[in-house]
Amino acid sequence: MSRDIVSELIIGIKNAGMAGNETVRFPYSELKATIADILKKEGYIDSFSKIGKTPKRKLEIGIAYKDKNTPKIRDIVRVSKLSKRIYFGNKDIKRVKGGYGKLIVSTSKGVMTGDKARKEGIGGEPLFKVW
C-alpha cells in the first residue's frame, strides 16, 4: 500500500492551523521541504526547518496566522491523487480563486506555483490548490 505524502503534508498543515497549533512535524523528505519552501515564499506558513539526523529527520513547519485565531491557510484541496493522476499543459493552468489562491504543480523543472509554470511555458501534475 503506497502512502500519499503530499496529502499527509497538506492536511496536517491545515489541521494544525485549525487547531491553533504553532508548529507541526512530519517525517522529512525533499519533496515536503520543497513544498514547504514554496508555501513560505507565498506567505502561507511562517517557517520550516529540518530537525534531527538521518534516518529520523523531521520537517517542522511553523503555522502562519492572520490574527490570533485565524490561520492564513483557509483551505487546501488535493488535485491529482494517487488513484487518479491528472496532468496539465501550460495553457490548462488557471488562476485559483481569482488569483487569491495558488496552484502547486510538479513539473519537469521541479515543484513550483502554477503562475511560474505558466510563465515558463511548461505543464505538469497539479498537486494541490491552497487559499
N, C-alpha and C. Protein backbone atom coordinates (compact mmCIF):
# COMPACT_ATOMS: atom_id res chain seq x y z
N MET A 1 0.85 -1.18 0.00
CA MET A 1 0.00 0.00 0.00
C MET A 1 0.89 1.24 0.00
N SER A 2 0.69 2.13 -0.95
CA SER A 2 1.51 3.33 -1.04
C SER A 2 0.86 4.47 -0.26
N ARG A 3 1.70 5.34 0.25
CA ARG A 3 1.24 6.49 1.03
C ARG A 3 1.30 7.73 0.16
N ASP A 4 0.35 8.60 0.37
CA ASP A 4 0.32 9.88 -0.33
C ASP A 4 0.92 10.93 0.59
N ILE A 5 2.24 11.14 0.46
CA ILE A 5 2.92 12.05 1.38
C ILE A 5 2.50 13.50 1.18
N VAL A 6 2.09 13.87 -0.02
CA VAL A 6 1.63 15.24 -0.26
C VAL A 6 0.33 15.49 0.49
N SER A 7 -0.61 14.55 0.42
CA SER A 7 -1.87 14.69 1.15
C SER A 7 -1.63 14.74 2.65
N GLU A 8 -0.75 13.87 3.15
CA GLU A 8 -0.44 13.88 4.58
C GLU A 8 0.10 15.24 5.00
N LEU A 9 0.96 15.82 4.18
CA LEU A 9 1.56 17.12 4.49
C LEU A 9 0.51 18.23 4.51
N ILE A 10 -0.24 18.36 3.43
CA ILE A 10 -1.16 19.49 3.34
C ILE A 10 -2.31 19.39 4.34
N ILE A 11 -2.81 18.19 4.59
CA ILE A 11 -3.89 18.03 5.56
C ILE A 11 -3.36 18.26 6.97
N GLY A 12 -2.13 17.82 7.23
CA GLY A 12 -1.52 18.07 8.54
C GLY A 12 -1.34 19.55 8.81
N ILE A 13 -0.91 20.32 7.80
CA ILE A 13 -0.75 21.77 7.95
C ILE A 13 -2.11 22.43 8.18
N LYS A 14 -3.09 22.05 7.39
CA LYS A 14 -4.44 22.63 7.53
C LYS A 14 -5.01 22.33 8.91
N ASN A 15 -4.92 21.09 9.36
CA ASN A 15 -5.47 20.70 10.66
C ASN A 15 -4.74 21.39 11.81
N ALA A 16 -3.43 21.54 11.71
CA ALA A 16 -2.67 22.22 12.76
C ALA A 16 -3.11 23.68 12.88
N GLY A 17 -3.36 24.32 11.74
CA GLY A 17 -3.84 25.70 11.76
C GLY A 17 -5.22 25.82 12.37
N MET A 18 -6.10 24.90 12.00
CA MET A 18 -7.46 24.93 12.53
C MET A 18 -7.48 24.63 14.04
N ALA A 19 -6.52 23.84 14.52
CA ALA A 19 -6.43 23.50 15.94
C ALA A 19 -5.72 24.59 16.75
N GLY A 20 -5.12 25.56 16.05
CA GLY A 20 -4.43 26.65 16.74
C GLY A 20 -3.01 26.31 17.15
N ASN A 21 -2.44 25.27 16.59
CA ASN A 21 -1.06 24.88 16.91
C ASN A 21 -0.07 25.85 16.29
N GLU A 22 1.07 26.04 16.95
CA GLU A 22 2.11 26.91 16.41
C GLU A 22 2.97 26.20 15.38
N THR A 23 3.22 24.91 15.60
CA THR A 23 4.05 24.13 14.69
C THR A 23 3.45 22.75 14.48
N VAL A 24 3.93 22.09 13.42
CA VAL A 24 3.57 20.71 13.15
C VAL A 24 4.80 20.03 12.57
N ARG A 25 4.99 18.74 12.89
CA ARG A 25 6.17 18.00 12.41
C ARG A 25 5.75 16.81 11.55
N PHE A 26 6.60 16.54 10.55
CA PHE A 26 6.40 15.43 9.62
C PHE A 26 7.72 14.72 9.41
N PRO A 27 7.68 13.43 9.01
CA PRO A 27 8.93 12.78 8.58
C PRO A 27 9.50 13.57 7.39
N TYR A 28 10.81 13.77 7.38
CA TYR A 28 11.44 14.61 6.37
C TYR A 28 11.52 13.92 5.01
N SER A 29 11.28 14.70 3.96
CA SER A 29 11.58 14.29 2.59
C SER A 29 11.88 15.56 1.79
N GLU A 30 12.63 15.42 0.72
CA GLU A 30 12.97 16.58 -0.12
C GLU A 30 11.72 17.20 -0.73
N LEU A 31 10.76 16.36 -1.15
CA LEU A 31 9.53 16.88 -1.73
C LEU A 31 8.77 17.74 -0.72
N LYS A 32 8.65 17.26 0.51
CA LYS A 32 7.96 18.04 1.54
C LYS A 32 8.69 19.35 1.81
N ALA A 33 10.01 19.31 1.86
CA ALA A 33 10.80 20.52 2.09
C ALA A 33 10.62 21.53 0.96
N THR A 34 10.55 21.04 -0.27
CA THR A 34 10.35 21.92 -1.43
C THR A 34 8.96 22.57 -1.37
N ILE A 35 7.95 21.78 -1.04
CA ILE A 35 6.59 22.32 -0.91
C ILE A 35 6.54 23.34 0.22
N ALA A 36 7.18 23.05 1.35
CA ALA A 36 7.21 23.98 2.48
C ALA A 36 7.90 25.28 2.08
N ASP A 37 8.97 25.19 1.29
CA ASP A 37 9.68 26.38 0.83
C ASP A 37 8.76 27.26 -0.02
N ILE A 38 8.00 26.66 -0.92
CA ILE A 38 7.07 27.41 -1.76
C ILE A 38 5.98 28.05 -0.89
N LEU A 39 5.41 27.29 0.05
CA LEU A 39 4.37 27.83 0.92
C LEU A 39 4.89 28.99 1.77
N LYS A 40 6.15 28.92 2.18
CA LYS A 40 6.75 30.03 2.95
C LYS A 40 6.92 31.26 2.07
N LYS A 41 7.45 31.07 0.86
CA LYS A 41 7.64 32.20 -0.06
C LYS A 41 6.32 32.88 -0.40
N GLU A 42 5.25 32.09 -0.47
CA GLU A 42 3.93 32.63 -0.80
C GLU A 42 3.19 33.17 0.43
N GLY A 43 3.77 33.01 1.62
CA GLY A 43 3.20 33.57 2.84
C GLY A 43 2.16 32.70 3.54
N TYR A 44 2.05 31.43 3.16
CA TYR A 44 1.05 30.56 3.78
C TYR A 44 1.54 29.91 5.08
N ILE A 45 2.85 29.81 5.26
CA ILE A 45 3.41 29.31 6.52
C ILE A 45 4.49 30.29 6.99
N ASP A 46 4.78 30.27 8.29
CA ASP A 46 5.79 31.18 8.85
C ASP A 46 7.21 30.70 8.63
N SER A 47 7.42 29.39 8.84
CA SER A 47 8.79 28.88 8.79
C SER A 47 8.77 27.38 8.56
N PHE A 48 9.95 26.86 8.23
CA PHE A 48 10.14 25.40 8.17
C PHE A 48 11.61 25.12 8.44
N SER A 49 11.88 23.99 9.05
CA SER A 49 13.27 23.63 9.33
C SER A 49 13.41 22.12 9.46
N LYS A 50 14.63 21.65 9.17
CA LYS A 50 14.97 20.24 9.35
C LYS A 50 15.41 20.06 10.80
N ILE A 51 14.90 19.01 11.42
CA ILE A 51 15.27 18.72 12.80
C ILE A 51 15.78 17.28 12.88
N GLY A 52 16.87 17.10 13.59
CA GLY A 52 17.41 15.76 13.80
C GLY A 52 18.34 15.31 12.70
N LYS A 53 18.75 14.05 12.82
CA LYS A 53 19.67 13.46 11.85
C LYS A 53 19.02 12.28 11.17
N THR A 54 19.52 11.97 10.00
CA THR A 54 19.01 10.83 9.25
C THR A 54 19.23 9.57 10.08
N PRO A 55 18.38 8.62 10.15
CA PRO A 55 17.15 8.41 9.40
C PRO A 55 15.89 8.95 10.07
N LYS A 56 16.03 9.59 11.24
CA LYS A 56 14.83 10.06 11.94
C LYS A 56 14.64 11.57 11.81
N ARG A 57 15.09 12.13 10.71
CA ARG A 57 14.98 13.55 10.47
C ARG A 57 13.51 13.95 10.34
N LYS A 58 13.18 15.12 10.87
CA LYS A 58 11.81 15.64 10.80
C LYS A 58 11.81 16.99 10.11
N LEU A 59 10.66 17.34 9.57
CA LEU A 59 10.44 18.66 8.99
C LEU A 59 9.45 19.36 9.90
N GLU A 60 9.87 20.46 10.53
CA GLU A 60 8.98 21.22 11.41
C GLU A 60 8.51 22.46 10.67
N ILE A 61 7.20 22.65 10.64
CA ILE A 61 6.59 23.77 9.92
C ILE A 61 5.89 24.67 10.92
N GLY A 62 6.19 25.97 10.84
CA GLY A 62 5.54 26.98 11.68
C GLY A 62 4.30 27.50 10.96
N ILE A 63 3.15 27.40 11.62
CA ILE A 63 1.88 27.81 11.03
C ILE A 63 1.75 29.33 11.07
N ALA A 64 1.32 29.93 9.97
CA ALA A 64 1.13 31.38 9.89
C ALA A 64 -0.33 31.72 10.19
N TYR A 65 -0.51 32.80 10.93
CA TYR A 65 -1.85 33.26 11.29
C TYR A 65 -2.06 34.70 10.85
N LYS A 66 -3.28 35.02 10.41
CA LYS A 66 -3.64 36.41 10.06
C LYS A 66 -3.78 37.22 11.33
N ASP A 67 -4.53 36.69 12.27
CA ASP A 67 -4.65 37.27 13.60
C ASP A 67 -4.51 36.12 14.60
N LYS A 68 -4.85 36.35 15.83
CA LYS A 68 -4.59 35.35 16.88
C LYS A 68 -5.17 33.97 16.60
N ASN A 69 -6.37 33.90 16.02
CA ASN A 69 -7.04 32.62 15.85
C ASN A 69 -7.31 32.19 14.42
N THR A 70 -6.93 33.00 13.44
CA THR A 70 -7.27 32.70 12.05
C THR A 70 -6.02 32.31 11.26
N PRO A 71 -5.91 31.03 10.86
CA PRO A 71 -4.74 30.63 10.06
C PRO A 71 -4.81 31.25 8.66
N LYS A 72 -3.65 31.52 8.08
CA LYS A 72 -3.61 32.08 6.72
C LYS A 72 -4.13 31.09 5.69
N ILE A 73 -3.95 29.80 5.95
CA ILE A 73 -4.47 28.79 5.03
C ILE A 73 -5.93 28.53 5.39
N ARG A 74 -6.82 28.94 4.51
CA ARG A 74 -8.25 28.72 4.74
C ARG A 74 -8.66 27.33 4.29
N ASP A 75 -8.09 26.88 3.17
CA ASP A 75 -8.40 25.54 2.68
C ASP A 75 -7.30 25.07 1.73
N ILE A 76 -7.16 23.76 1.66
CA ILE A 76 -6.22 23.12 0.73
C ILE A 76 -6.98 21.97 0.09
N VAL A 77 -6.89 21.88 -1.24
CA VAL A 77 -7.59 20.82 -1.97
C VAL A 77 -6.59 20.08 -2.84
N ARG A 78 -6.51 18.78 -2.66
CA ARG A 78 -5.64 17.92 -3.49
C ARG A 78 -6.26 17.82 -4.87
N VAL A 79 -5.48 17.97 -5.93
CA VAL A 79 -5.99 17.91 -7.30
C VAL A 79 -5.69 16.54 -7.89
N SER A 80 -4.43 16.24 -8.17
CA SER A 80 -4.04 14.95 -8.72
C SER A 80 -3.77 14.01 -7.55
N LYS A 81 -4.37 12.84 -7.59
CA LYS A 81 -4.25 11.89 -6.48
C LYS A 81 -3.55 10.62 -6.96
N LEU A 82 -3.14 9.79 -6.01
CA LEU A 82 -2.52 8.52 -6.38
C LEU A 82 -3.50 7.66 -7.18
N SER A 83 -4.78 7.73 -6.83
CA SER A 83 -5.78 6.91 -7.51
C SER A 83 -6.19 7.48 -8.87
N LYS A 84 -6.00 8.78 -9.07
CA LYS A 84 -6.38 9.39 -10.34
C LYS A 84 -5.42 10.53 -10.67
N ARG A 85 -4.43 10.22 -11.47
CA ARG A 85 -3.42 11.22 -11.86
C ARG A 85 -4.01 12.16 -12.90
N ILE A 86 -3.66 13.44 -12.76
CA ILE A 86 -4.09 14.47 -13.71
C ILE A 86 -2.84 15.22 -14.16
N TYR A 87 -2.79 15.58 -15.42
CA TYR A 87 -1.67 16.35 -15.95
C TYR A 87 -2.21 17.53 -16.73
N PHE A 88 -1.58 18.70 -16.55
CA PHE A 88 -1.99 19.93 -17.23
C PHE A 88 -0.89 20.36 -18.20
N GLY A 89 -1.31 20.87 -19.35
CA GLY A 89 -0.40 21.60 -20.21
C GLY A 89 -0.33 23.02 -19.66
N ASN A 90 0.62 23.82 -20.13
CA ASN A 90 0.74 25.17 -19.56
C ASN A 90 -0.51 26.02 -19.81
N LYS A 91 -1.25 25.76 -20.88
CA LYS A 91 -2.46 26.53 -21.15
C LYS A 91 -3.64 26.08 -20.28
N ASP A 92 -3.53 24.90 -19.67
CA ASP A 92 -4.60 24.39 -18.79
C ASP A 92 -4.49 24.95 -17.37
N ILE A 93 -3.36 25.56 -17.03
CA ILE A 93 -3.15 26.05 -15.67
C ILE A 93 -3.91 27.37 -15.50
N LYS A 94 -4.90 27.34 -14.62
CA LYS A 94 -5.75 28.51 -14.38
C LYS A 94 -5.44 29.11 -13.01
N ARG A 95 -5.90 30.34 -12.81
CA ARG A 95 -5.75 31.01 -11.52
C ARG A 95 -6.69 30.36 -10.50
N VAL A 96 -6.28 30.37 -9.25
CA VAL A 96 -7.08 29.79 -8.17
C VAL A 96 -7.76 30.92 -7.41
N LYS A 97 -9.08 30.81 -7.26
CA LYS A 97 -9.88 31.81 -6.53
C LYS A 97 -9.60 33.22 -7.04
N GLY A 98 -9.56 33.38 -8.37
CA GLY A 98 -9.34 34.70 -8.96
C GLY A 98 -7.99 35.32 -8.63
N GLY A 99 -6.99 34.49 -8.40
CA GLY A 99 -5.65 34.97 -8.08
C GLY A 99 -5.40 35.05 -6.58
N TYR A 100 -6.42 34.82 -5.77
CA TYR A 100 -6.29 34.87 -4.32
C TYR A 100 -5.54 33.64 -3.80
N GLY A 101 -5.68 32.50 -4.46
CA GLY A 101 -5.01 31.27 -4.05
C GLY A 101 -3.89 30.90 -5.00
N LYS A 102 -3.29 29.75 -4.74
CA LYS A 102 -2.18 29.26 -5.58
C LYS A 102 -2.39 27.79 -5.92
N LEU A 103 -1.93 27.44 -7.10
CA LEU A 103 -1.87 26.05 -7.54
C LEU A 103 -0.41 25.64 -7.45
N ILE A 104 -0.13 24.52 -6.82
CA ILE A 104 1.23 24.00 -6.73
C ILE A 104 1.34 22.84 -7.71
N VAL A 105 2.34 22.92 -8.61
CA VAL A 105 2.47 21.99 -9.73
C VAL A 105 3.84 21.32 -9.70
N SER A 106 3.87 20.01 -9.95
CA SER A 106 5.12 19.28 -10.10
C SER A 106 5.42 19.23 -11.59
N THR A 107 6.54 19.85 -12.00
CA THR A 107 6.90 19.93 -13.41
C THR A 107 8.22 19.21 -13.66
N SER A 108 8.63 19.20 -14.90
CA SER A 108 9.92 18.61 -15.25
C SER A 108 11.07 19.46 -14.70
N LYS A 109 10.80 20.71 -14.32
CA LYS A 109 11.82 21.60 -13.75
C LYS A 109 11.67 21.72 -12.24
N GLY A 110 10.90 20.82 -11.63
CA GLY A 110 10.72 20.83 -10.18
C GLY A 110 9.33 21.30 -9.78
N VAL A 111 9.11 21.36 -8.48
CA VAL A 111 7.82 21.80 -7.95
C VAL A 111 7.81 23.33 -7.92
N MET A 112 6.70 23.92 -8.39
CA MET A 112 6.57 25.38 -8.44
C MET A 112 5.11 25.77 -8.43
N THR A 113 4.86 27.06 -8.34
CA THR A 113 3.48 27.54 -8.40
C THR A 113 2.98 27.46 -9.84
N GLY A 114 1.67 27.44 -10.00
CA GLY A 114 1.07 27.40 -11.33
C GLY A 114 1.42 28.64 -12.13
N ASP A 115 1.50 29.80 -11.46
CA ASP A 115 1.85 31.04 -12.15
C ASP A 115 3.24 30.96 -12.78
N LYS A 116 4.19 30.44 -12.02
CA LYS A 116 5.56 30.31 -12.52
C LYS A 116 5.63 29.31 -13.67
N ALA A 117 4.91 28.19 -13.54
CA ALA A 117 4.90 27.17 -14.60
C ALA A 117 4.30 27.75 -15.89
N ARG A 118 3.24 28.52 -15.75
CA ARG A 118 2.60 29.13 -16.93
C ARG A 118 3.56 30.12 -17.59
N LYS A 119 4.27 30.93 -16.78
CA LYS A 119 5.24 31.89 -17.32
C LYS A 119 6.36 31.18 -18.08
N GLU A 120 6.82 30.04 -17.53
CA GLU A 120 7.91 29.31 -18.15
C GLU A 120 7.44 28.44 -19.32
N GLY A 121 6.13 28.37 -19.52
CA GLY A 121 5.58 27.63 -20.65
C GLY A 121 5.63 26.13 -20.50
N ILE A 122 5.56 25.65 -19.24
CA ILE A 122 5.59 24.21 -19.02
C ILE A 122 4.37 23.76 -18.22
N GLY A 123 3.96 22.55 -18.44
CA GLY A 123 2.86 21.95 -17.70
C GLY A 123 3.39 20.96 -16.70
N GLY A 124 2.49 20.18 -16.15
CA GLY A 124 2.90 19.18 -15.18
C GLY A 124 1.72 18.62 -14.43
N GLU A 125 2.01 18.00 -13.30
CA GLU A 125 0.98 17.41 -12.46
C GLU A 125 0.58 18.39 -11.37
N PRO A 126 -0.67 18.85 -11.37
CA PRO A 126 -1.12 19.78 -10.32
C PRO A 126 -1.29 19.02 -9.00
N LEU A 127 -0.49 19.38 -8.01
CA LEU A 127 -0.53 18.67 -6.73
C LEU A 127 -1.71 19.10 -5.87
N PHE A 128 -1.81 20.42 -5.61
CA PHE A 128 -2.93 20.90 -4.79
C PHE A 128 -3.14 22.40 -4.99
N LYS A 129 -4.33 22.85 -4.57
CA LYS A 129 -4.68 24.26 -4.56
C LYS A 129 -4.72 24.71 -3.11
N VAL A 130 -4.23 25.92 -2.84
CA VAL A 130 -4.24 26.46 -1.48
C VAL A 130 -4.76 27.90 -1.54
N TRP A 131 -5.57 28.26 -0.55
CA TRP A 131 -6.03 29.65 -0.43
C TRP A 131 -6.36 29.96 1.01
